[in-house]
C-alpha atoms as a PDB file:
ATOM      1  CA  MET A   1      -5.235   2.087   3.272  1.00  0.00           C
ATOM      2  CA  PHE A   2      -2.038   1.217   1.491  1.00  0.00           C
ATOM      3  CA  LEU A   3      -0.082  -1.994   1.785  1.00  0.00           C
ATOM      4  CA  VAL A   4       3.582  -1.577   0.950  1.00  0.00           C
ATOM      5  CA  GLU A   5       6.810  -3.311   1.758  1.00  0.00           C
ATOM      6  CA  PHE A   6       9.205  -0.811   3.303  1.00  0.00           C
ATOM      7  CA  ILE A   7      12.905  -1.520   3.146  1.00  0.00           C
ATOM      8  CA  GLY A   8      14.916   1.097   4.939  1.00  0.00           C
ATOM      9  CA  ASP A   9      15.414   2.909   8.207  1.00  0.00           C
ATOM     10  CA  VAL A  10      12.085   3.835   9.845  1.00  0.00           C
ATOM     11  CA  GLU A  11      13.870   6.448  11.966  1.00  0.00           C
ATOM     12  CA  LYS A  12      14.743   8.427   8.821  1.00  0.00           C
ATOM     13  CA  LEU A  13      11.094   8.853   7.780  1.00  0.00           C
ATOM     14  CA  SER A  14       9.566  12.283   8.286  1.00  0.00           C
ATOM     15  CA  PRO A  15       6.265  13.701   7.003  1.00  0.00           C
ATOM     16  CA  ILE A  16       6.350  16.378   4.299  1.00  0.00           C
ATOM     17  CA  ASP A  17       2.647  17.236   4.536  1.00  0.00           C
ATOM     18  CA  GLU A  18      -0.539  16.190   6.348  1.00  0.00           C
ATOM     19  CA  GLU A  19      -1.993  13.890   3.669  1.00  0.00           C
ATOM     20  CA  ILE A  20      -1.217  10.736   5.671  1.00  0.00           C
ATOM     21  CA  ALA A  21      -2.245  11.052   9.313  1.00  0.00           C
ATOM     22  CA  ASP A  22      -0.987   7.715  10.629  1.00  0.00           C
ATOM     23  CA  VAL A  23       1.456   5.015   9.586  1.00  0.00           C
ATOM     24  CA  GLN A  24       1.785   1.603  11.184  1.00  0.00           C
ATOM     25  CA  PHE A  25       4.559  -0.864  10.481  1.00  0.00           C
ATOM     26  CA  LEU A  26       3.363  -4.409  11.088  1.00  0.00           C
ATOM     27  CA  GLU A  27       4.730  -7.852  10.557  1.00  0.00           C
ATOM     28  CA  LYS A  28       2.760  -9.511   7.756  1.00  0.00           C
ATOM     29  CA  HIS A  29       1.183 -12.117  10.053  1.00  0.00           C
ATOM     30  CA  LYS A  30      -0.311  -9.338  12.237  1.00  0.00           C
ATOM     31  CA  VAL A  31      -2.044  -7.347   9.475  1.00  0.00           C
ATOM     32  CA  ALA A  32      -5.327  -9.307   9.338  1.00  0.00           C
ATOM     33  CA  ASN A  33      -5.942  -8.671  13.046  1.00  0.00           C
ATOM     34  CA  LYS A  34      -5.691  -4.898  12.488  1.00  0.00           C
ATOM     35  CA  LEU A  35      -8.180  -4.762   9.606  1.00  0.00           C
ATOM     36  CA  THR A  36     -11.640  -3.639  10.695  1.00  0.00           C
ATOM     37  CA  HIS A  37     -13.732  -4.468   7.602  1.00  0.00           C
ATOM     38  CA  ASN A  38     -14.570  -8.107   6.941  1.00  0.00           C
ATOM     39  CA  ASP A  39     -14.269  -7.779   3.165  1.00  0.00           C
ATOM     40  CA  THR A  40     -10.811  -6.209   3.446  1.00  0.00           C
ATOM     41  CA  ARG A  41      -9.683  -8.849   5.940  1.00  0.00           C
ATOM     42  CA  SER A  42     -10.980 -11.661   3.708  1.00  0.00           C
ATOM     43  CA  PHE A  43      -9.238 -10.170   0.662  1.00  0.00           C
ATOM     44  CA  PHE A  44      -5.956  -9.872   2.542  1.00  0.00           C
ATOM     45  CA  ILE A  45      -6.100 -13.428   3.880  1.00  0.00           C
ATOM     46  CA  LYS A  46      -7.023 -14.865   0.487  1.00  0.00           C
ATOM     47  CA  ASN A  47      -4.574 -12.906  -1.663  1.00  0.00           C
ATOM     48  CA  LEU A  48      -1.748 -11.538   0.431  1.00  0.00           C
ATOM     49  CA  SER A  49      -1.077 -13.666   3.472  1.00  0.00           C
END
């Protein structure tokens, strides 16, 4: 999992290899609900939200 801030046009993104299978763009307040591991969710809420 990577957390990055993307500034640009999502429509211009295209994969160059198969290293990353899925990308989701979420509003910051929706990230914690997508995290499946309690320790990751707790870390995000404490440090990044």
